[in-house]
Amino acid sequence: MYLNAAGSANSQYAYNADIENGQVSTMYVMNKSGKSLSGKLKYSYTYDAAGRLTAKTASRYNSLTGKYVPAFRLDFSYTADGYAVERCTWNSRSKSFNRPDSRTEYRHEMSNVMAVTNYEWSDAEGKMLAVDNMLVMTQTDGYLLASLL
């Protein structure tokens, strides 16, 4: 178990993590009020055999029942040149997660360049539609003008 109440002295949150085999399995976010803590969010994580994150489930604390209620899940999948993240919301009537309503794909294009494409579910089309894409370039010290002067 790990408790981090540090950070900014004015922070309204404290964090507590359960760590198994060197990986965070659960992260609790708690409201700080004076000298007391109360539940706010719980994040649960699962990993594949390679140690990569495969799912992150977020749950909100219900102070009336004293239980955490699922809110959404992020599912991660991996390819040779990148990864994708799909978001599913919780359906309280069926007590299960809905089909993904959004997807973001991250694809390595070349050194220091990643293509990012965002998709959203279209009920009219019955499938995910691309809504945005961009190239993201990461900083490399060798390419900074300041390092050449």
N, C-alpha and C. Protein backbone atom coordinates (compact mmCIF):
# COMPACT_ATOMS: atom_id res chain seq x y z
N MET A 1 0.84 -1.17 0.00
CA MET A 1 0.00 0.00 0.00
C MET A 1 0.88 1.23 0.00
N TYR A 2 0.42 2.26 -0.66
CA TYR A 2 1.14 3.52 -0.79
C TYR A 2 0.18 4.65 -0.51
N LEU A 3 0.55 5.60 0.33
CA LEU A 3 -0.29 6.75 0.60
C LEU A 3 0.50 8.00 0.30
N ASN A 4 -0.05 8.85 -0.53
CA ASN A 4 0.59 10.11 -0.86
C ASN A 4 -0.38 11.23 -0.55
N ALA A 5 -0.19 11.84 0.58
CA ALA A 5 -1.00 13.00 0.93
C ALA A 5 -0.21 14.26 0.66
N ALA A 6 0.96 14.09 0.06
CA ALA A 6 1.83 15.23 -0.22
C ALA A 6 1.35 15.98 -1.44
N GLY A 7 2.27 16.67 -2.07
CA GLY A 7 1.89 17.50 -3.20
C GLY A 7 1.70 18.91 -2.68
N SER A 8 0.88 19.64 -3.31
CA SER A 8 0.60 21.01 -2.88
C SER A 8 -0.10 20.99 -1.53
N ALA A 9 0.34 21.86 -0.66
CA ALA A 9 -0.29 21.95 0.66
C ALA A 9 -1.75 22.35 0.53
N ASN A 10 -2.10 22.99 -0.56
CA ASN A 10 -3.47 23.44 -0.78
C ASN A 10 -4.30 22.44 -1.59
N SER A 11 -3.70 21.30 -1.93
CA SER A 11 -4.41 20.30 -2.72
C SER A 11 -5.62 19.78 -1.95
N GLN A 12 -6.71 19.59 -2.65
CA GLN A 12 -7.91 19.08 -2.00
C GLN A 12 -8.02 17.56 -2.07
N TYR A 13 -6.98 16.89 -2.63
CA TYR A 13 -7.03 15.45 -2.80
C TYR A 13 -5.82 14.76 -2.17
N ALA A 14 -6.03 13.51 -1.77
CA ALA A 14 -4.96 12.62 -1.32
C ALA A 14 -5.09 11.35 -2.15
N TYR A 15 -3.99 10.63 -2.32
CA TYR A 15 -3.96 9.44 -3.18
C TYR A 15 -3.43 8.26 -2.40
N ASN A 16 -4.01 7.08 -2.65
CA ASN A 16 -3.60 5.84 -2.02
C ASN A 16 -3.59 4.76 -3.09
N ALA A 17 -2.46 4.11 -3.26
CA ALA A 17 -2.34 3.09 -4.31
C ALA A 17 -2.08 1.71 -3.72
N ASP A 18 -2.72 0.70 -4.29
CA ASP A 18 -2.38 -0.69 -4.01
C ASP A 18 -1.44 -1.12 -5.13
N ILE A 19 -0.27 -1.63 -4.75
CA ILE A 19 0.74 -2.02 -5.73
C ILE A 19 0.98 -3.52 -5.60
N GLU A 20 0.88 -4.22 -6.73
CA GLU A 20 1.12 -5.66 -6.78
C GLU A 20 2.16 -5.95 -7.85
N ASN A 21 3.18 -6.69 -7.49
CA ASN A 21 4.25 -7.05 -8.44
C ASN A 21 4.83 -5.83 -9.14
N GLY A 22 4.98 -4.74 -8.42
CA GLY A 22 5.59 -3.53 -8.98
C GLY A 22 4.67 -2.71 -9.87
N GLN A 23 3.38 -3.08 -9.95
CA GLN A 23 2.43 -2.34 -10.78
C GLN A 23 1.26 -1.87 -9.93
N VAL A 24 0.77 -0.68 -10.24
CA VAL A 24 -0.39 -0.15 -9.52
C VAL A 24 -1.61 -0.96 -9.95
N SER A 25 -2.30 -1.57 -8.99
CA SER A 25 -3.52 -2.31 -9.31
C SER A 25 -4.75 -1.46 -9.04
N THR A 26 -4.68 -0.60 -8.02
CA THR A 26 -5.80 0.28 -7.68
C THR A 26 -5.25 1.60 -7.17
N MET A 27 -5.85 2.70 -7.60
CA MET A 27 -5.50 4.03 -7.10
C MET A 27 -6.77 4.66 -6.57
N TYR A 28 -6.73 5.06 -5.30
CA TYR A 28 -7.86 5.73 -4.67
C TYR A 28 -7.57 7.23 -4.61
N VAL A 29 -8.54 8.03 -4.98
CA VAL A 29 -8.45 9.48 -4.86
C VAL A 29 -9.45 9.87 -3.78
N MET A 30 -8.96 10.58 -2.78
CA MET A 30 -9.81 10.95 -1.65
C MET A 30 -9.86 12.46 -1.49
N ASN A 31 -11.03 12.96 -1.09
CA ASN A 31 -11.18 14.37 -0.76
C ASN A 31 -10.55 14.62 0.59
N LYS A 32 -9.79 15.71 0.71
CA LYS A 32 -9.24 16.12 2.00
C LYS A 32 -10.12 17.24 2.54
N SER A 33 -10.55 17.08 3.76
CA SER A 33 -11.34 18.11 4.43
C SER A 33 -10.84 18.21 5.86
N GLY A 34 -10.06 19.25 6.13
CA GLY A 34 -9.45 19.36 7.45
C GLY A 34 -8.51 18.20 7.67
N LYS A 35 -8.76 17.42 8.71
CA LYS A 35 -7.91 16.27 9.01
C LYS A 35 -8.55 14.95 8.61
N SER A 36 -9.66 15.02 7.85
CA SER A 36 -10.34 13.79 7.46
C SER A 36 -10.27 13.59 5.95
N LEU A 37 -10.43 12.34 5.55
CA LEU A 37 -10.45 11.95 4.14
C LEU A 37 -11.78 11.28 3.85
N SER A 38 -12.29 11.50 2.65
CA SER A 38 -13.50 10.81 2.22
C SER A 38 -13.32 10.34 0.78
N GLY A 39 -13.98 9.26 0.43
CA GLY A 39 -13.84 8.68 -0.90
C GLY A 39 -14.29 9.61 -2.01
N LYS A 40 -13.63 9.54 -3.15
CA LYS A 40 -14.02 10.30 -4.33
C LYS A 40 -14.02 9.41 -5.56
N LEU A 41 -12.84 8.89 -5.92
CA LEU A 41 -12.69 8.06 -7.12
C LEU A 41 -11.82 6.84 -6.82
N LYS A 42 -12.03 5.80 -7.61
CA LYS A 42 -11.16 4.63 -7.56
C LYS A 42 -10.83 4.25 -8.99
N TYR A 43 -9.55 4.08 -9.28
CA TYR A 43 -9.10 3.63 -10.59
C TYR A 43 -8.52 2.23 -10.43
N SER A 44 -9.01 1.28 -11.21
CA SER A 44 -8.50 -0.09 -11.19
C SER A 44 -7.78 -0.36 -12.50
N TYR A 45 -6.62 -1.00 -12.42
CA TYR A 45 -5.78 -1.22 -13.59
C TYR A 45 -5.55 -2.71 -13.82
N THR A 46 -5.53 -3.13 -15.08
CA THR A 46 -5.14 -4.50 -15.44
C THR A 46 -4.05 -4.42 -16.50
N TYR A 47 -3.21 -5.45 -16.53
CA TYR A 47 -2.04 -5.48 -17.40
C TYR A 47 -1.97 -6.80 -18.14
N ASP A 48 -1.29 -6.80 -19.29
CA ASP A 48 -1.08 -8.05 -20.02
C ASP A 48 0.21 -8.71 -19.54
N ALA A 49 0.55 -9.86 -20.14
CA ALA A 49 1.74 -10.62 -19.71
C ALA A 49 3.03 -9.83 -19.94
N ALA A 50 3.00 -8.86 -20.87
CA ALA A 50 4.19 -8.04 -21.15
C ALA A 50 4.28 -6.84 -20.20
N GLY A 51 3.32 -6.72 -19.28
CA GLY A 51 3.33 -5.63 -18.33
C GLY A 51 2.72 -4.34 -18.85
N ARG A 52 2.05 -4.42 -20.01
CA ARG A 52 1.43 -3.22 -20.58
C ARG A 52 0.01 -3.07 -20.05
N LEU A 53 -0.40 -1.83 -19.85
CA LEU A 53 -1.75 -1.54 -19.39
C LEU A 53 -2.77 -2.00 -20.42
N THR A 54 -3.77 -2.76 -19.98
CA THR A 54 -4.83 -3.21 -20.90
C THR A 54 -6.18 -2.60 -20.57
N ALA A 55 -6.39 -2.19 -19.31
CA ALA A 55 -7.66 -1.56 -18.95
C ALA A 55 -7.48 -0.68 -17.72
N LYS A 56 -8.21 0.42 -17.72
CA LYS A 56 -8.29 1.32 -16.57
C LYS A 56 -9.77 1.58 -16.34
N THR A 57 -10.27 1.20 -15.18
CA THR A 57 -11.67 1.40 -14.85
C THR A 57 -11.78 2.47 -13.78
N ALA A 58 -12.62 3.47 -14.03
CA ALA A 58 -12.84 4.55 -13.07
C ALA A 58 -14.20 4.34 -12.41
N SER A 59 -14.22 4.48 -11.08
CA SER A 59 -15.46 4.36 -10.32
C SER A 59 -15.58 5.56 -9.39
N ARG A 60 -16.81 6.02 -9.20
CA ARG A 60 -17.08 7.15 -8.30
C ARG A 60 -17.61 6.63 -6.96
N TYR A 61 -17.21 7.28 -5.89
CA TYR A 61 -17.65 6.89 -4.57
C TYR A 61 -19.06 7.42 -4.31
N ASN A 62 -19.96 6.54 -3.87
CA ASN A 62 -21.32 6.93 -3.52
C ASN A 62 -21.38 7.00 -1.99
N SER A 63 -21.46 8.22 -1.47
CA SER A 63 -21.43 8.40 -0.02
C SER A 63 -22.68 7.85 0.67
N LEU A 64 -23.79 7.69 -0.06
CA LEU A 64 -25.01 7.13 0.54
C LEU A 64 -24.89 5.63 0.78
N THR A 65 -24.27 4.93 -0.17
CA THR A 65 -24.14 3.47 -0.05
C THR A 65 -22.79 3.05 0.51
N GLY A 66 -21.80 3.97 0.43
CA GLY A 66 -20.45 3.62 0.87
C GLY A 66 -19.73 2.71 -0.11
N LYS A 67 -20.21 2.67 -1.36
CA LYS A 67 -19.62 1.80 -2.37
C LYS A 67 -19.17 2.63 -3.57
N TYR A 68 -18.24 2.05 -4.32
CA TYR A 68 -17.80 2.67 -5.57
C TYR A 68 -18.67 2.16 -6.70
N VAL A 69 -19.10 3.07 -7.57
CA VAL A 69 -19.96 2.73 -8.71
C VAL A 69 -19.17 2.99 -10.00
N PRO A 70 -19.06 1.99 -10.89
CA PRO A 70 -18.31 2.20 -12.13
C PRO A 70 -18.83 3.41 -12.91
N ALA A 71 -17.90 4.13 -13.54
CA ALA A 71 -18.26 5.29 -14.36
C ALA A 71 -17.87 5.05 -15.82
N PHE A 72 -16.61 4.66 -16.04
CA PHE A 72 -16.16 4.38 -17.41
C PHE A 72 -14.94 3.46 -17.34
N ARG A 73 -14.62 2.90 -18.52
CA ARG A 73 -13.44 2.04 -18.65
C ARG A 73 -12.69 2.44 -19.90
N LEU A 74 -11.38 2.48 -19.81
CA LEU A 74 -10.52 2.69 -20.96
C LEU A 74 -9.85 1.36 -21.28
N ASP A 75 -10.01 0.88 -22.51
CA ASP A 75 -9.39 -0.37 -22.95
C ASP A 75 -8.23 -0.05 -23.89
N PHE A 76 -7.07 -0.63 -23.62
CA PHE A 76 -5.86 -0.37 -24.40
C PHE A 76 -5.53 -1.60 -25.23
N SER A 77 -5.21 -1.39 -26.51
CA SER A 77 -4.75 -2.48 -27.37
C SER A 77 -3.48 -2.01 -28.08
N TYR A 78 -2.63 -2.95 -28.44
CA TYR A 78 -1.31 -2.62 -28.95
C TYR A 78 -1.07 -3.27 -30.31
N THR A 79 -0.35 -2.53 -31.16
CA THR A 79 0.08 -3.04 -32.46
C THR A 79 1.59 -2.86 -32.55
N ALA A 80 2.17 -3.30 -33.66
CA ALA A 80 3.62 -3.17 -33.82
C ALA A 80 4.06 -1.71 -33.91
N ASP A 81 3.18 -0.83 -34.39
CA ASP A 81 3.58 0.57 -34.56
C ASP A 81 2.82 1.56 -33.67
N GLY A 82 2.13 1.07 -32.63
CA GLY A 82 1.44 2.00 -31.75
C GLY A 82 0.44 1.31 -30.84
N TYR A 83 -0.57 2.08 -30.46
CA TYR A 83 -1.60 1.54 -29.59
C TYR A 83 -2.89 2.33 -29.76
N ALA A 84 -3.98 1.80 -29.22
CA ALA A 84 -5.29 2.45 -29.29
C ALA A 84 -5.93 2.42 -27.91
N VAL A 85 -6.78 3.41 -27.65
CA VAL A 85 -7.52 3.50 -26.40
C VAL A 85 -8.99 3.68 -26.74
N GLU A 86 -9.84 2.79 -26.21
CA GLU A 86 -11.29 2.91 -26.40
C GLU A 86 -11.94 3.22 -25.06
N ARG A 87 -12.96 4.09 -25.10
CA ARG A 87 -13.67 4.50 -23.88
C ARG A 87 -15.08 3.93 -23.91
N CYS A 88 -15.45 3.26 -22.80
CA CYS A 88 -16.79 2.70 -22.64
C CYS A 88 -17.40 3.27 -21.35
N THR A 89 -18.64 3.71 -21.41
CA THR A 89 -19.31 4.22 -20.22
C THR A 89 -20.11 3.10 -19.55
N TRP A 90 -20.40 3.27 -18.27
CA TRP A 90 -21.13 2.29 -17.49
C TRP A 90 -22.63 2.46 -17.70
N ASN A 91 -23.32 1.35 -17.89
CA ASN A 91 -24.77 1.35 -18.02
C ASN A 91 -25.34 0.79 -16.72
N SER A 92 -25.92 1.68 -15.90
CA SER A 92 -26.39 1.25 -14.58
C SER A 92 -27.60 0.32 -14.66
N ARG A 93 -28.38 0.41 -15.74
CA ARG A 93 -29.54 -0.50 -15.88
C ARG A 93 -29.11 -1.92 -16.16
N SER A 94 -28.18 -2.09 -17.11
CA SER A 94 -27.74 -3.44 -17.47
C SER A 94 -26.58 -3.92 -16.60
N LYS A 95 -26.03 -3.01 -15.76
CA LYS A 95 -24.89 -3.33 -14.90
C LYS A 95 -23.70 -3.86 -15.71
N SER A 96 -23.47 -3.19 -16.85
CA SER A 96 -22.34 -3.56 -17.70
C SER A 96 -21.87 -2.32 -18.46
N PHE A 97 -20.73 -2.44 -19.09
CA PHE A 97 -20.22 -1.33 -19.87
C PHE A 97 -20.85 -1.33 -21.26
N ASN A 98 -21.17 -0.14 -21.75
CA ASN A 98 -21.69 0.02 -23.10
C ASN A 98 -20.58 -0.25 -24.12
N ARG A 99 -20.95 -0.34 -25.39
CA ARG A 99 -19.93 -0.47 -26.45
C ARG A 99 -19.10 0.82 -26.44
N PRO A 100 -17.89 0.78 -26.97
CA PRO A 100 -17.05 1.98 -26.96
C PRO A 100 -17.74 3.16 -27.66
N ASP A 101 -17.62 4.36 -27.05
CA ASP A 101 -18.20 5.54 -27.67
C ASP A 101 -17.13 6.44 -28.28
N SER A 102 -15.86 6.14 -27.99
CA SER A 102 -14.76 6.87 -28.62
C SER A 102 -13.53 5.99 -28.67
N ARG A 103 -12.64 6.34 -29.59
CA ARG A 103 -11.41 5.59 -29.78
C ARG A 103 -10.33 6.58 -30.22
N THR A 104 -9.15 6.44 -29.65
CA THR A 104 -8.00 7.23 -30.09
C THR A 104 -6.88 6.27 -30.45
N GLU A 105 -6.35 6.45 -31.66
CA GLU A 105 -5.25 5.61 -32.13
C GLU A 105 -3.97 6.43 -32.17
N TYR A 106 -2.91 5.85 -31.63
CA TYR A 106 -1.59 6.48 -31.64
C TYR A 106 -0.68 5.58 -32.48
N ARG A 107 -0.15 6.12 -33.57
CA ARG A 107 0.67 5.31 -34.49
C ARG A 107 2.02 6.00 -34.72
N HIS A 108 3.09 5.28 -34.47
CA HIS A 108 4.44 5.79 -34.69
C HIS A 108 4.68 5.92 -36.19
N GLU A 109 4.97 7.12 -36.65
CA GLU A 109 5.19 7.37 -38.07
C GLU A 109 6.67 7.34 -38.43
N MET A 110 7.48 8.01 -37.64
CA MET A 110 8.93 8.06 -37.84
C MET A 110 9.55 8.55 -36.55
N SER A 111 10.84 8.65 -36.52
CA SER A 111 11.51 9.09 -35.31
C SER A 111 10.91 10.41 -34.82
N ASN A 112 10.45 10.41 -33.59
CA ASN A 112 9.91 11.59 -32.91
C ASN A 112 8.59 12.10 -33.49
N VAL A 113 7.89 11.30 -34.30
CA VAL A 113 6.60 11.72 -34.88
C VAL A 113 5.57 10.63 -34.66
N MET A 114 4.42 11.02 -34.10
CA MET A 114 3.32 10.10 -33.86
C MET A 114 2.05 10.66 -34.49
N ALA A 115 1.31 9.81 -35.19
CA ALA A 115 0.00 10.20 -35.73
C ALA A 115 -1.06 9.84 -34.71
N VAL A 116 -1.96 10.78 -34.45
CA VAL A 116 -3.04 10.57 -33.49
C VAL A 116 -4.36 10.79 -34.23
N THR A 117 -5.24 9.79 -34.19
CA THR A 117 -6.55 9.90 -34.83
C THR A 117 -7.63 9.61 -33.79
N ASN A 118 -8.61 10.51 -33.70
CA ASN A 118 -9.73 10.37 -32.78
C ASN A 118 -10.98 9.95 -33.54
N TYR A 119 -11.71 8.99 -32.96
CA TYR A 119 -12.96 8.50 -33.54
C TYR A 119 -14.07 8.64 -32.50
N GLU A 120 -15.28 8.84 -32.96
CA GLU A 120 -16.45 8.83 -32.10
C GLU A 120 -17.52 7.96 -32.73
N TRP A 121 -18.31 7.31 -31.86
CA TRP A 121 -19.38 6.45 -32.34
C TRP A 121 -20.49 7.28 -32.97
N SER A 122 -20.95 6.85 -34.14
CA SER A 122 -22.08 7.49 -34.81
C SER A 122 -23.24 6.52 -34.83
N ASP A 123 -24.33 6.88 -34.14
CA ASP A 123 -25.53 6.04 -34.18
C ASP A 123 -26.10 5.98 -35.58
N ALA A 124 -26.06 7.10 -36.30
CA ALA A 124 -26.60 7.15 -37.66
C ALA A 124 -25.85 6.22 -38.60
N GLU A 125 -24.52 6.16 -38.45
CA GLU A 125 -23.70 5.31 -39.32
C GLU A 125 -23.52 3.90 -38.76
N GLY A 126 -23.72 3.75 -37.46
CA GLY A 126 -23.53 2.44 -36.83
C GLY A 126 -22.08 2.03 -36.73
N LYS A 127 -21.18 3.00 -36.67
CA LYS A 127 -19.76 2.70 -36.58
C LYS A 127 -19.00 3.91 -36.06
N MET A 128 -17.72 3.70 -35.80
CA MET A 128 -16.84 4.79 -35.39
C MET A 128 -16.48 5.62 -36.62
N LEU A 129 -16.51 6.95 -36.45
CA LEU A 129 -16.12 7.86 -37.52
C LEU A 129 -14.96 8.72 -37.05
N ALA A 130 -13.98 8.91 -37.92
CA ALA A 130 -12.85 9.78 -37.58
C ALA A 130 -13.34 11.21 -37.44
N VAL A 131 -12.99 11.86 -36.35
CA VAL A 131 -13.42 13.24 -36.11
C VAL A 131 -12.24 14.19 -36.03
N ASP A 132 -11.03 13.67 -35.87
CA ASP A 132 -9.87 14.54 -35.74
C ASP A 132 -8.61 13.71 -35.94
N ASN A 133 -7.61 14.32 -36.53
CA ASN A 133 -6.30 13.66 -36.60
C ASN A 133 -5.22 14.72 -36.59
N MET A 134 -4.06 14.32 -36.12
CA MET A 134 -2.94 15.25 -36.02
C MET A 134 -1.64 14.49 -35.96
N LEU A 135 -0.56 15.19 -36.23
CA LEU A 135 0.77 14.64 -36.03
C LEU A 135 1.36 15.31 -34.80
N VAL A 136 1.95 14.51 -33.96
CA VAL A 136 2.56 15.03 -32.74
C VAL A 136 4.06 14.78 -32.84
N MET A 137 4.83 15.84 -32.67
CA MET A 137 6.29 15.72 -32.72
C MET A 137 6.83 15.91 -31.32
N THR A 138 7.73 15.02 -30.93
CA THR A 138 8.34 15.14 -29.61
C THR A 138 9.66 15.87 -29.72
N GLN A 139 10.02 16.53 -28.67
CA GLN A 139 11.25 17.31 -28.63
C GLN A 139 12.43 16.37 -28.52
N THR A 140 13.46 16.65 -29.28
CA THR A 140 14.71 15.91 -29.20
C THR A 140 15.82 16.93 -29.05
N ASP A 141 16.63 16.75 -28.03
CA ASP A 141 17.68 17.73 -27.75
C ASP A 141 18.57 18.00 -28.96
N GLY A 142 18.82 16.99 -29.77
CA GLY A 142 19.69 17.15 -30.92
C GLY A 142 19.14 18.10 -31.97
N TYR A 143 17.84 18.36 -31.94
CA TYR A 143 17.22 19.22 -32.93
C TYR A 143 16.95 20.64 -32.41
N LEU A 144 17.30 20.89 -31.17
CA LEU A 144 17.06 22.22 -30.61
C LEU A 144 18.14 23.18 -31.08
N LEU A 145 17.74 24.34 -31.57
CA LEU A 145 18.69 25.35 -32.02
C LEU A 145 19.62 25.75 -30.89
N ALA A 146 19.10 25.84 -29.67
CA ALA A 146 19.92 26.24 -28.54
C ALA A 146 21.08 25.29 -28.31
N SER A 147 20.91 24.03 -28.60
CA SER A 147 22.00 23.07 -28.37
C SER A 147 23.08 23.17 -29.44
N LEU A 148 22.76 23.83 -30.55
CA LEU A 148 23.73 23.96 -31.64
C LEU A 148 24.56 25.23 -31.49
N LEU A 149 24.16 26.15 -30.64
CA LEU A 149 24.89 27.44 -30.49
C LEU A 149 26.05 27.31 -29.54
